[in-house]
C-alpha atoms as a PDB file:
ATOM      1  CA  MET A   1      -7.738 168.801 -64.040  1.00  0.00           C
ATOM      2  CA  GLU A   2      -7.223 167.330 -67.425  1.00  0.00           C
ATOM      3  CA  SER A   3      -3.976 167.447 -69.363  1.00  0.00           C
ATOM      4  CA  LEU A   4      -3.821 169.410 -72.635  1.00  0.00           C
ATOM      5  CA  VAL A   5      -3.481 166.241 -74.791  1.00  0.00           C
ATOM      6  CA  SER A   6      -6.563 164.710 -73.381  1.00  0.00           C
ATOM      7  CA  LEU A   7      -8.419 168.192 -74.093  1.00  0.00           C
ATOM      8  CA  CYS A   8      -7.108 168.220 -77.651  1.00  0.00           C
ATOM      9  CA  LEU A   9      -7.718 164.652 -78.528  1.00  0.00           C
ATOM     10  CA  GLY A  10     -10.854 163.956 -76.364  1.00  0.00           C
ATOM     11  CA  THR A  11      -9.417 161.036 -74.789  1.00  0.00           C
ATOM     12  CA  LYS A  12      -9.151 160.077 -71.075  1.00  0.00           C
ATOM     13  CA  PRO A  13      -5.812 160.385 -69.227  1.00  0.00           C
ATOM     14  CA  VAL A  14      -3.892 157.114 -69.065  1.00  0.00           C
ATOM     15  CA  ILE A  15      -4.359 157.253 -65.271  1.00  0.00           C
ATOM     16  CA  GLU A  16      -7.923 156.676 -65.576  1.00  0.00           C
ATOM     17  CA  LEU A  17      -7.608 153.775 -68.020  1.00  0.00           C
ATOM     18  CA  VAL A  18      -5.396 151.679 -65.891  1.00  0.00           C
ATOM     19  CA  SER A  19      -6.266 151.888 -62.249  1.00  0.00           C
ATOM     20  CA  ILE A  20      -4.643 150.350 -59.220  1.00  0.00           C
ATOM     21  CA  ARG A  21      -7.128 147.493 -59.082  1.00  0.00           C
ATOM     22  CA  HIS A  22      -6.231 146.329 -62.692  1.00  0.00           C
ATOM     23  CA  VAL A  23      -2.790 146.285 -61.698  1.00  0.00           C
ATOM     24  CA  GLY A  24      -3.395 144.352 -58.639  1.00  0.00           C
ATOM     25  CA  ALA A  25      -5.473 141.863 -60.511  1.00  0.00           C
ATOM     26  CA  ILE A  26      -2.972 141.282 -63.141  1.00  0.00           C
ATOM     27  CA  VAL A  27      -0.145 140.681 -60.585  1.00  0.00           C
ATOM     28  CA  ALA A  28      -2.462 138.282 -58.725  1.00  0.00           C
ATOM     29  CA  VAL A  29      -3.328 136.385 -61.894  1.00  0.00           C
ATOM     30  CA  TYR A  30       0.390 136.380 -62.711  1.00  0.00           C
ATOM     31  CA  PHE A  31       1.394 134.619 -59.491  1.00  0.00           C
ATOM     32  CA  ILE A  32      -1.486 132.342 -59.375  1.00  0.00           C
ATOM     33  CA  SER A  33      -0.833 131.133 -62.863  1.00  0.00           C
ATOM     34  CA  LEU A  34       2.969 130.733 -62.026  1.00  0.00           C
ATOM     35  CA  ALA A  35       2.269 128.746 -58.825  1.00  0.00           C
ATOM     36  CA  PHE A  36      -0.034 126.461 -61.062  1.00  0.00           C
ATOM     37  CA  TYR A  37       2.721 125.992 -63.646  1.00  0.00           C
ATOM     38  CA  ARG A  38       5.349 125.023 -60.998  1.00  0.00           C
ATOM     39  CA  LEU A  39       3.136 122.570 -59.323  1.00  0.00           C
ATOM     40  CA  THR A  40       1.833 120.818 -62.570  1.00  0.00           C
ATOM     41  CA  PHE A  41       3.727 121.585 -65.829  1.00  0.00           C
ATOM     42  CA  HIS A  42       7.246 122.339 -64.559  1.00  0.00           C
ATOM     43  CA  PRO A  43       9.846 119.643 -65.458  1.00  0.00           C
ATOM     44  CA  LEU A  44      10.393 119.074 -61.511  1.00  0.00           C
ATOM     45  CA  ALA A  45       6.970 118.922 -60.798  1.00  0.00           C
ATOM     46  CA  GLY A  46       7.202 115.053 -60.191  1.00  0.00           C
ATOM     47  CA  PHE A  47       9.742 115.248 -57.486  1.00  0.00           C
ATOM     48  CA  PRO A  48       8.375 115.177 -53.843  1.00  0.00           C
ATOM     49  CA  GLY A  49       8.453 117.988 -51.642  1.00  0.00           C
ATOM     50  CA  PRO A  50       6.385 120.637 -49.650  1.00  0.00           C
ATOM     51  CA  TRP A  51       3.941 122.381 -52.004  1.00  0.00           C
ATOM     52  CA  PHE A  52       4.809 125.681 -50.631  1.00  0.00           C
ATOM     53  CA  ALA A  53       8.630 124.929 -51.650  1.00  0.00           C
ATOM     54  CA  ALA A  54       7.559 124.025 -54.935  1.00  0.00           C
ATOM     55  CA  ILE A  55       6.172 127.468 -55.823  1.00  0.00           C
ATOM     56  CA  SER A  56       8.610 129.822 -54.461  1.00  0.00           C
ATOM     57  CA  ARG A  57      11.831 130.464 -52.803  1.00  0.00           C
ATOM     58  CA  TYR A  58      10.519 132.022 -49.883  1.00  0.00           C
ATOM     59  CA  TYR A  59      10.624 128.498 -48.043  1.00  0.00           C
ATOM     60  CA  GLU A  60      14.383 128.495 -48.150  1.00  0.00           C
ATOM     61  CA  ALA A  61      14.484 132.225 -47.155  1.00  0.00           C
ATOM     62  CA  TYR A  62      12.316 131.457 -44.077  1.00  0.00           C
ATOM     63  CA  TYR A  63      14.453 128.689 -42.663  1.00  0.00           C
ATOM     64  CA  ASP A  64      17.806 130.674 -43.495  1.00  0.00           C
ATOM     65  CA  VAL A  65      16.468 133.964 -42.124  1.00  0.00           C
ATOM     66  CA  VAL A  66      13.897 133.526 -39.696  1.00  0.00           C
ATOM     67  CA  GLN A  67      14.989 130.221 -38.234  1.00  0.00           C
ATOM     68  CA  ASN A  68      18.719 131.129 -38.189  1.00  0.00           C
ATOM     69  CA  GLY A  69      20.178 129.056 -40.669  1.00  0.00           C
ATOM     70  CA  GLN A  70      18.230 125.834 -40.101  1.00  0.00           C
ATOM     71  CA  TYR A  71      17.505 125.122 -43.910  1.00  0.00           C
ATOM     72  CA  MET A  72      20.143 122.572 -44.102  1.00  0.00           C
ATOM     73  CA  PHE A  73      18.665 120.663 -41.179  1.00  0.00           C
ATOM     74  CA  LYS A  74      15.088 121.208 -42.713  1.00  0.00           C
ATOM     75  CA  ILE A  75      16.441 119.331 -45.958  1.00  0.00           C
ATOM     76  CA  LYS A  76      17.717 116.373 -43.981  1.00  0.00           C
ATOM     77  CA  LYS A  77      14.078 116.185 -42.429  1.00  0.00           C
ATOM     78  CA  LEU A  78      12.686 116.323 -45.760  1.00  0.00           C
ATOM     79  CA  HIS A  79      14.567 113.341 -46.856  1.00  0.00           C
ATOM     80  CA  THR A  80      13.375 111.383 -43.793  1.00  0.00           C
ATOM     81  CA  GLN A  81       9.787 112.601 -44.312  1.00  0.00           C
ATOM     82  CA  TYR A  82       9.422 111.645 -48.062  1.00  0.00           C
ATOM     83  CA  SER A  83      11.759 108.593 -47.759  1.00  0.00           C
ATOM     84  CA  GLU A  84      13.191 109.139 -51.146  1.00  0.00           C
ATOM     85  CA  PRO A  85      16.683 110.443 -51.945  1.00  0.00           C
ATOM     86  CA  PRO A  86      15.589 113.111 -54.474  1.00  0.00           C
ATOM     87  CA  VAL A  87      13.645 115.954 -52.766  1.00  0.00           C
ATOM     88  CA  LYS A  88      12.525 119.116 -54.018  1.00  0.00           C
ATOM     89  CA  PRO A  89      13.124 121.919 -51.410  1.00  0.00           C
ATOM     90  CA  VAL A  90      12.588 124.845 -53.487  1.00  0.00           C
ATOM     91  CA  ALA A  91      11.021 125.652 -56.897  1.00  0.00           C
ATOM     92  CA  ASP A  92      13.838 125.005 -59.537  1.00  0.00           C
ATOM     93  CA  PHE A  93      16.017 122.654 -57.389  1.00  0.00           C
ATOM     94  CA  ILE A  94      16.295 119.111 -56.222  1.00  0.00           C
ATOM     95  CA  ASN A  95      18.513 117.642 -53.494  1.00  0.00           C
ATOM     96  CA  SER A  96      19.470 114.196 -53.171  1.00  0.00           C
ATOM     97  CA  SER A  97      21.348 112.410 -50.282  1.00  0.00           C
ATOM     98  CA  GLN A  98      22.898 109.694 -52.731  1.00  0.00           C
ATOM     99  CA  VAL A  99      24.591 110.331 -56.032  1.00  0.00           C
ATOM    100  CA  LEU A 100      23.376 107.027 -57.492  1.00  0.00           C
ATOM    101  CA  SER A 101      19.877 107.100 -56.722  1.00  0.00           C
ATOM    102  CA  PHE A 102      19.908 110.795 -57.951  1.00  0.00           C
ATOM    103  CA  ALA A 103      20.934 109.449 -61.366  1.00  0.00           C
ATOM    104  CA  LEU A 104      18.204 106.740 -61.291  1.00  0.00           C
ATOM    105  CA  ALA A 105      15.437 109.271 -59.936  1.00  0.00           C
ATOM    106  CA  LEU A 106      16.301 111.510 -63.065  1.00  0.00           C
ATOM    107  CA  THR A 107      15.733 108.705 -65.487  1.00  0.00           C
ATOM    108  CA  SER A 108      12.527 107.482 -63.844  1.00  0.00           C
ATOM    109  CA  TYR A 109      10.966 110.944 -63.542  1.00  0.00           C
ATOM    110  CA  MET A 110      11.612 112.156 -67.122  1.00  0.00           C
END
């Protein structure tokens, strides 16, 4: 059943113009471009860390919720794994185990 406005104006209803497929495609393109930005152009992209942690906060949420608060121990493992004091455990945050090396790392990456 067409609406009265579409009958009078001779246009298609809005629901036909924007389908669920279009919305899904737009959302997918948004998240893919956001991940690409965070991995390549973000100011903190040069710091070492897991790629999944670099694109979202779900990495932190997984270790806090599913692994029952093991996130702080995971950060310590990341420092050991990447053997550098500044490590990027989430998309918009860096963590350092040493204050002086943190300041030196900021000057070398920027």
